């Protein structure tokens, strides 16, 4: 006897959804070295969530537990300004991810992620990564190696931004001093590079 059309369509939908998720996962740098079997194993431990507009996926100041990958819809990354207003940092879409720093530690989130419209996301949390490392060390190592590379790249980018900001501050102070008729700050006196933000590349 042939399959009932309803169940046939249902199974086909599930297969298509699974293939779509695998495609998205393969495009996430963190999982770039995983083969299809490993991606399917990863797919089985992810946490699926459906969000409504304006719902917070993560909140600024809360302890981080892991990262999220967007399957559908749009998400805005916002941060509170000193005056209490919300500042838009980025708008993310399908295939984008955020919060991966929390896979390494549970430090407070530096920004919030809000659903702009109905959207679906999957979460990959620190306990999942630890279990993966224990059950499949080879696969876990692939993920950890890419995670460390991503964090390193972002730190170097942040260091460059800090250096550029310091240079602009020096230039502004020098220009202000010249306008007031005061001697400018000489190079290498008092405003040396902060070793904490030196590019270690």
C-alpha atoms as a PDB file:
ATOM      1  CA  UNK A   1       0.000   0.000   0.000  1.00  0.00           C
ATOM      2  CA  UNK A   2       1.306   3.433  -0.908  1.00  0.00           C
ATOM      3  CA  UNK A   3       2.080   6.133   1.606  1.00  0.00           C
ATOM      4  CA  UNK A   4      -0.697   8.451   2.644  1.00  0.00           C
ATOM      5  CA  UNK A   5      -0.113  11.787   0.793  1.00  0.00           C
ATOM      6  CA  UNK A   6      -0.329  13.723   4.073  1.00  0.00           C
ATOM      7  CA  UNK A   7       2.443  11.726   5.747  1.00  0.00           C
ATOM      8  CA  UNK A   8       4.484  11.676   2.574  1.00  0.00           C
ATOM      9  CA  UNK A   9       4.442  15.486   2.427  1.00  0.00           C
ATOM     10  CA  UNK A  10       5.178  15.712   6.140  1.00  0.00           C
ATOM     11  CA  UNK A  11       8.281  13.528   5.853  1.00  0.00           C
ATOM     12  CA  UNK A  12       9.425  15.429   2.789  1.00  0.00           C
ATOM     13  CA  UNK A  13       9.088  18.726   4.666  1.00  0.00           C
ATOM     14  CA  UNK A  14      11.182  17.377   7.514  1.00  0.00           C
ATOM     15  CA  UNK A  15      13.867  16.206   5.101  1.00  0.00           C
ATOM     16  CA  UNK A  16      13.901  19.586   3.372  1.00  0.00           C
ATOM     17  CA  UNK A  17      14.122  21.417   6.706  1.00  0.00           C
ATOM     18  CA  UNK A  18      16.993  19.158   7.764  1.00  0.00           C
ATOM     19  CA  UNK A  19      18.868  19.744   4.504  1.00  0.00           C
ATOM     20  CA  UNK A  20      18.307  23.493   4.831  1.00  0.00           C
ATOM     21  CA  UNK A  21      19.724  23.471   8.371  1.00  0.00           C
ATOM     22  CA  UNK A  22      22.752  21.460   7.235  1.00  0.00           C
ATOM     23  CA  UNK A  23      23.398  24.001   4.494  1.00  0.00           C
ATOM     24  CA  UNK A  24      23.238  26.875   6.965  1.00  0.00           C
ATOM     25  CA  UNK A  25      25.491  25.078   9.471  1.00  0.00           C
ATOM     26  CA  UNK A  26      28.081  24.349   6.792  1.00  0.00           C
ATOM     27  CA  UNK A  27      28.275  28.091   6.109  1.00  0.00           C
ATOM     28  CA  UNK A  28      29.060  28.980   9.739  1.00  0.00           C
ATOM     29  CA  UNK A  29      32.866  29.380  10.083  1.00  0.00           C
ATOM     30  CA  UNK A  30      32.813  27.632  13.451  1.00  0.00           C
ATOM     31  CA  UNK A  31      31.679  24.407  11.752  1.00  0.00           C
ATOM     32  CA  UNK A  32      33.556  24.894   8.479  1.00  0.00           C
ATOM     33  CA  UNK A  33      35.718  21.762   8.820  1.00  0.00           C
ATOM     34  CA  UNK A  34      32.916  19.369   9.782  1.00  0.00           C
ATOM     35  CA  UNK A  35      31.924  16.722   7.256  1.00  0.00           C
ATOM     36  CA  UNK A  36      28.303  15.865   6.481  1.00  0.00           C
ATOM     37  CA  UNK A  37      28.146  13.087   9.103  1.00  0.00           C
ATOM     38  CA  UNK A  38      29.517  15.449  11.765  1.00  0.00           C
ATOM     39  CA  UNK A  39      27.090  18.190  10.743  1.00  0.00           C
ATOM     40  CA  UNK A  40      24.198  15.751  11.155  1.00  0.00           C
ATOM     41  CA  UNK A  41      25.501  14.808  14.606  1.00  0.00           C
ATOM     42  CA  UNK A  42      25.721  18.512  15.479  1.00  0.00           C
ATOM     43  CA  UNK A  43      22.219  19.063  14.145  1.00  0.00           C
ATOM     44  CA  UNK A  44      20.903  16.563  16.684  1.00  0.00           C
ATOM     45  CA  UNK A  45      22.196  18.490  19.715  1.00  0.00           C
ATOM     46  CA  UNK A  46      21.164  22.003  18.709  1.00  0.00           C
ATOM     47  CA  UNK A  47      18.342  23.773  20.541  1.00  0.00           C
ATOM     48  CA  UNK A  48      15.580  25.157  18.317  1.00  0.00           C
ATOM     49  CA  UNK A  49      13.638  28.286  19.251  1.00  0.00           C
ATOM     50  CA  UNK A  50      10.921  30.299  17.565  1.00  0.00           C
ATOM     51  CA  UNK A  51      10.852  34.015  18.382  1.00  0.00           C
ATOM     52  CA  UNK A  52       8.145  36.664  18.067  1.00  0.00           C
ATOM     53  CA  UNK A  53       8.822  40.305  17.105  1.00  0.00           C
ATOM     54  CA  UNK A  54      10.645  42.318  19.820  1.00  0.00           C
ATOM     55  CA  UNK A  55      11.418  39.168  21.834  1.00  0.00           C
ATOM     56  CA  UNK A  56      14.918  39.106  23.319  1.00  0.00           C
ATOM     57  CA  UNK A  57      17.052  36.126  22.335  1.00  0.00           C
ATOM     58  CA  UNK A  58      19.849  37.323  24.619  1.00  0.00           C
ATOM     59  CA  UNK A  59      19.898  40.292  26.985  1.00  0.00           C
ATOM     60  CA  UNK A  60      22.724  42.689  27.685  1.00  0.00           C
ATOM     61  CA  UNK A  61      24.225  42.084  31.127  1.00  0.00           C
ATOM     62  CA  UNK A  62      22.993  38.506  31.473  1.00  0.00           C
ATOM     63  CA  UNK A  63      25.444  35.634  31.751  1.00  0.00           C
ATOM     64  CA  UNK A  64      26.154  34.025  28.395  1.00  0.00           C
ATOM     65  CA  UNK A  65      25.560  30.316  27.874  1.00  0.00           C
ATOM     66  CA  UNK A  66      26.218  29.906  24.160  1.00  0.00           C
ATOM     67  CA  UNK A  67      25.726  31.081  20.599  1.00  0.00           C
ATOM     68  CA  UNK A  68      22.750  31.327  18.254  1.00  0.00           C
ATOM     69  CA  UNK A  69      22.398  30.849  14.501  1.00  0.00           C
ATOM     70  CA  UNK A  70      19.557  32.479  12.565  1.00  0.00           C
ATOM     71  CA  UNK A  71      17.492  30.125  10.397  1.00  0.00           C
ATOM     72  CA  UNK A  72      14.831  32.619   9.326  1.00  0.00           C
ATOM     73  CA  UNK A  73      13.883  36.246   9.962  1.00  0.00           C
ATOM     74  CA  UNK A  74      15.979  39.191  11.119  1.00  0.00           C
ATOM     75  CA  UNK A  75      17.649  39.984  14.436  1.00  0.00           C
ATOM     76  CA  UNK A  76      18.946  43.325  15.667  1.00  0.00           C
ATOM     77  CA  UNK A  77      21.970  43.614  17.951  1.00  0.00           C
ATOM     78  CA  UNK A  78      21.456  46.590  20.262  1.00  0.00           C
ATOM     79  CA  UNK A  79      23.402  48.103  23.131  1.00  0.00           C
ATOM     80  CA  UNK A  80      22.419  50.593  25.808  1.00  0.00           C
ATOM     81  CA  UNK A  81      24.105  53.977  25.573  1.00  0.00           C
ATOM     82  CA  UNK A  82      25.310  56.025  28.529  1.00  0.00           C
ATOM     83  CA  UNK A  83      22.061  58.007  28.395  1.00  0.00           C
ATOM     84  CA  UNK A  84      20.002  54.814  28.557  1.00  0.00           C
ATOM     85  CA  UNK A  85      18.934  54.868  24.916  1.00  0.00           C
ATOM     86  CA  UNK A  86      19.329  51.816  22.681  1.00  0.00           C
ATOM     87  CA  UNK A  87      21.974  51.942  19.975  1.00  0.00           C
ATOM     88  CA  UNK A  88      21.672  49.676  16.955  1.00  0.00           C
ATOM     89  CA  UNK A  89      24.953  47.865  16.308  1.00  0.00           C
ATOM     90  CA  UNK A  90      23.943  45.470  13.542  1.00  0.00           C
ATOM     91  CA  UNK A  91      21.075  43.766  11.761  1.00  0.00           C
ATOM     92  CA  UNK A  92      21.582  40.063  11.113  1.00  0.00           C
ATOM     93  CA  UNK A  93      19.782  37.637   8.810  1.00  0.00           C
ATOM     94  CA  UNK A  94      19.637  33.997   7.772  1.00  0.00           C
ATOM     95  CA  UNK A  95      22.936  32.193   8.314  1.00  0.00           C
ATOM     96  CA  UNK A  96      24.351  34.863  10.613  1.00  0.00           C
ATOM     97  CA  UNK A  97      25.342  33.969  14.171  1.00  0.00           C
ATOM     98  CA  UNK A  98      26.114  35.747  17.434  1.00  0.00           C
ATOM     99  CA  UNK A  99      27.164  35.076  21.027  1.00  0.00           C
ATOM    100  CA  UNK A 100      29.998  32.636  20.286  1.00  0.00           C
ATOM    101  CA  UNK A 101      32.203  34.241  22.970  1.00  0.00           C
ATOM    102  CA  UNK A 102      29.916  32.595  25.545  1.00  0.00           C
ATOM    103  CA  UNK A 103      31.160  29.173  24.443  1.00  0.00           C
ATOM    104  CA  UNK A 104      34.420  30.032  26.229  1.00  0.00           C
ATOM    105  CA  UNK A 105      33.170  31.757  29.368  1.00  0.00           C
ATOM    106  CA  UNK A 106      30.010  32.964  31.084  1.00  0.00           C
ATOM    107  CA  UNK A 107      30.900  36.662  31.175  1.00  0.00           C
ATOM    108  CA  UNK A 108      27.941  39.070  30.894  1.00  0.00           C
ATOM    109  CA  UNK A 109      26.569  39.750  27.426  1.00  0.00           C
ATOM    110  CA  UNK A 110      27.776  43.067  26.043  1.00  0.00           C
ATOM    111  CA  UNK A 111      24.647  43.606  23.906  1.00  0.00           C
ATOM    112  CA  UNK A 112      21.113  42.337  23.403  1.00  0.00           C
ATOM    113  CA  UNK A 113      19.733  40.447  20.403  1.00  0.00           C
ATOM    114  CA  UNK A 114      16.095  41.193  19.530  1.00  0.00           C
ATOM    115  CA  UNK A 115      13.861  39.551  16.950  1.00  0.00           C
ATOM    116  CA  UNK A 116      12.739  42.115  14.375  1.00  0.00           C
ATOM    117  CA  UNK A 117      10.098  39.775  12.959  1.00  0.00           C
ATOM    118  CA  UNK A 118       8.989  36.184  13.537  1.00  0.00           C
ATOM    119  CA  UNK A 119      12.182  34.177  13.278  1.00  0.00           C
ATOM    120  CA  UNK A 120      13.709  30.821  14.058  1.00  0.00           C
ATOM    121  CA  UNK A 121      17.116  30.279  15.623  1.00  0.00           C
ATOM    122  CA  UNK A 122      19.136  27.341  16.889  1.00  0.00           C
ATOM    123  CA  UNK A 123      21.337  27.506  19.955  1.00  0.00           C
ATOM    124  CA  UNK A 124      24.665  25.789  20.565  1.00  0.00           C
ATOM    125  CA  UNK A 125      25.590  26.039  24.245  1.00  0.00           C
ATOM    126  CA  UNK A 126      28.736  25.576  26.312  1.00  0.00           C
ATOM    127  CA  UNK A 127      27.558  22.283  27.909  1.00  0.00           C
ATOM    128  CA  UNK A 128      26.887  20.976  24.382  1.00  0.00           C
ATOM    129  CA  UNK A 129      30.446  21.819  23.354  1.00  0.00           C
ATOM    130  CA  UNK A 130      31.902  20.174  26.472  1.00  0.00           C
ATOM    131  CA  UNK A 131      29.830  17.022  25.881  1.00  0.00           C
ATOM    132  CA  UNK A 132      30.950  16.998  22.251  1.00  0.00           C
ATOM    133  CA  UNK A 133      34.620  17.255  23.250  1.00  0.00           C
ATOM    134  CA  UNK A 134      34.162  14.320  25.640  1.00  0.00           C
ATOM    135  CA  UNK A 135      32.167  12.080  23.291  1.00  0.00           C
ATOM    136  CA  UNK A 136      33.961  12.931  20.037  1.00  0.00           C
ATOM    137  CA  UNK A 137      37.314  14.621  20.729  1.00  0.00           C
ATOM    138  CA  UNK A 138      38.250  14.887  17.050  1.00  0.00           C
ATOM    139  CA  UNK A 139      35.044  16.696  16.148  1.00  0.00           C
ATOM    140  CA  UNK A 140      35.221  18.828  19.280  1.00  0.00           C
ATOM    141  CA  UNK A 141      38.783  19.866  18.446  1.00  0.00           C
ATOM    142  CA  UNK A 142      37.705  21.061  15.006  1.00  0.00           C
ATOM    143  CA  UNK A 143      35.076  23.312  16.573  1.00  0.00           C
ATOM    144  CA  UNK A 144      37.389  24.642  19.306  1.00  0.00           C
ATOM    145  CA  UNK A 145      40.170  25.410  16.811  1.00  0.00           C
ATOM    146  CA  UNK A 146      37.829  27.474  14.638  1.00  0.00           C
ATOM    147  CA  UNK A 147      36.367  29.158  17.715  1.00  0.00           C
ATOM    148  CA  UNK A 148      39.826  30.236  18.909  1.00  0.00           C
ATOM    149  CA  UNK A 149      40.665  31.558  15.423  1.00  0.00           C
ATOM    150  CA  UNK A 150      37.434  33.579  15.285  1.00  0.00           C
ATOM    151  CA  UNK A 151      37.988  35.086  18.723  1.00  0.00           C
ATOM    152  CA  UNK A 152      41.598  35.927  17.802  1.00  0.00           C
ATOM    153  CA  UNK A 153      40.516  37.713  14.618  1.00  0.00           C
ATOM    154  CA  UNK A 154      37.913  39.741  16.502  1.00  0.00           C
ATOM    155  CA  UNK A 155      40.429  40.702  19.194  1.00  0.00           C
ATOM    156  CA  UNK A 156      42.891  41.914  16.560  1.00  0.00           C
ATOM    157  CA  UNK A 157      40.113  43.914  14.905  1.00  0.00           C
ATOM    158  CA  UNK A 158      39.189  45.455  18.272  1.00  0.00           C
ATOM    159  CA  UNK A 159      42.840  46.313  18.922  1.00  0.00           C
ATOM    160  CA  UNK A 160      43.079  48.109  15.582  1.00  0.00           C
ATOM    161  CA  UNK A 161      39.947  50.106  16.356  1.00  0.00           C
ATOM    162  CA  UNK A 162      41.357  51.077  19.766  1.00  0.00           C
ATOM    163  CA  UNK A 163      44.634  52.179  18.198  1.00  0.00           C
ATOM    164  CA  UNK A 164      42.804  54.270  15.600  1.00  0.00           C
ATOM    165  CA  UNK A 165      40.727  55.849  18.366  1.00  0.00           C
ATOM    166  CA  UNK A 166      43.876  56.695  20.373  1.00  0.00           C
ATOM    167  CA  UNK A 167      45.430  58.319  17.283  1.00  0.00           C
ATOM    168  CA  UNK A 168      42.310  60.434  16.703  1.00  0.00           C
ATOM    169  CA  UNK A 169      42.306  61.484  20.368  1.00  0.00           C
ATOM    170  CA  UNK A 170      45.966  62.543  20.106  1.00  0.00           C
ATOM    171  CA  UNK A 171      45.284  64.512  16.931  1.00  0.00           C
ATOM    172  CA  UNK A 172      42.270  66.247  18.488  1.00  0.00           C
ATOM    173  CA  UNK A 173      44.244  67.123  21.631  1.00  0.00           C
ATOM    174  CA  UNK A 174      47.140  68.416  19.522  1.00  0.00           C
ATOM    175  CA  UNK A 175      44.821  70.545  17.378  1.00  0.00           C
ATOM    176  CA  UNK A 176      43.070  71.912  20.460  1.00  0.00           C
ATOM    177  CA  UNK A 177      46.423  72.791  22.055  1.00  0.00           C
ATOM    178  CA  UNK A 178      47.582  74.603  18.915  1.00  0.00           C
ATOM    179  CA  UNK A 179      44.349  76.585  18.765  1.00  0.00           C
ATOM    180  CA  UNK A 180      44.909  77.677  22.382  1.00  0.00           C
ATOM    181  CA  UNK A 181      48.554  78.485  21.635  1.00  0.00           C
ATOM    182  CA  UNK A 182      49.849  75.706  23.893  1.00  0.00           C
ATOM    183  CA  UNK A 183      52.743  73.399  22.926  1.00  0.00           C
ATOM    184  CA  UNK A 184      51.578  70.083  21.493  1.00  0.00           C
ATOM    185  CA  UNK A 185      52.194  66.724  23.089  1.00  0.00           C
ATOM    186  CA  UNK A 186      55.492  65.325  21.886  1.00  0.00           C
ATOM    187  CA  UNK A 187      55.570  61.867  20.380  1.00  0.00           C
ATOM    188  CA  UNK A 188      56.397  59.162  22.905  1.00  0.00           C
ATOM    189  CA  UNK A 189      55.737  61.256  26.028  1.00  0.00           C
ATOM    190  CA  UNK A 190      52.912  60.173  28.249  1.00  0.00           C
ATOM    191  CA  UNK A 191      50.731  58.676  25.548  1.00  0.00           C
ATOM    192  CA  UNK A 192      52.599  55.520  24.618  1.00  0.00           C
ATOM    193  CA  UNK A 193      50.728  52.539  23.272  1.00  0.00           C
ATOM    194  CA  UNK A 194      48.881  50.538  25.877  1.00  0.00           C
ATOM    195  CA  UNK A 195      50.423  47.042  25.921  1.00  0.00           C
ATOM    196  CA  UNK A 196      47.009  45.584  26.696  1.00  0.00           C
ATOM    197  CA  UNK A 197      45.681  46.558  23.286  1.00  0.00           C
ATOM    198  CA  UNK A 198      48.774  45.893  21.206  1.00  0.00           C
ATOM    199  CA  UNK A 199      48.156  43.809  18.086  1.00  0.00           C
ATOM    200  CA  UNK A 200      49.807  40.490  18.895  1.00  0.00           C
ATOM    201  CA  UNK A 201      49.723  39.203  15.324  1.00  0.00           C
END
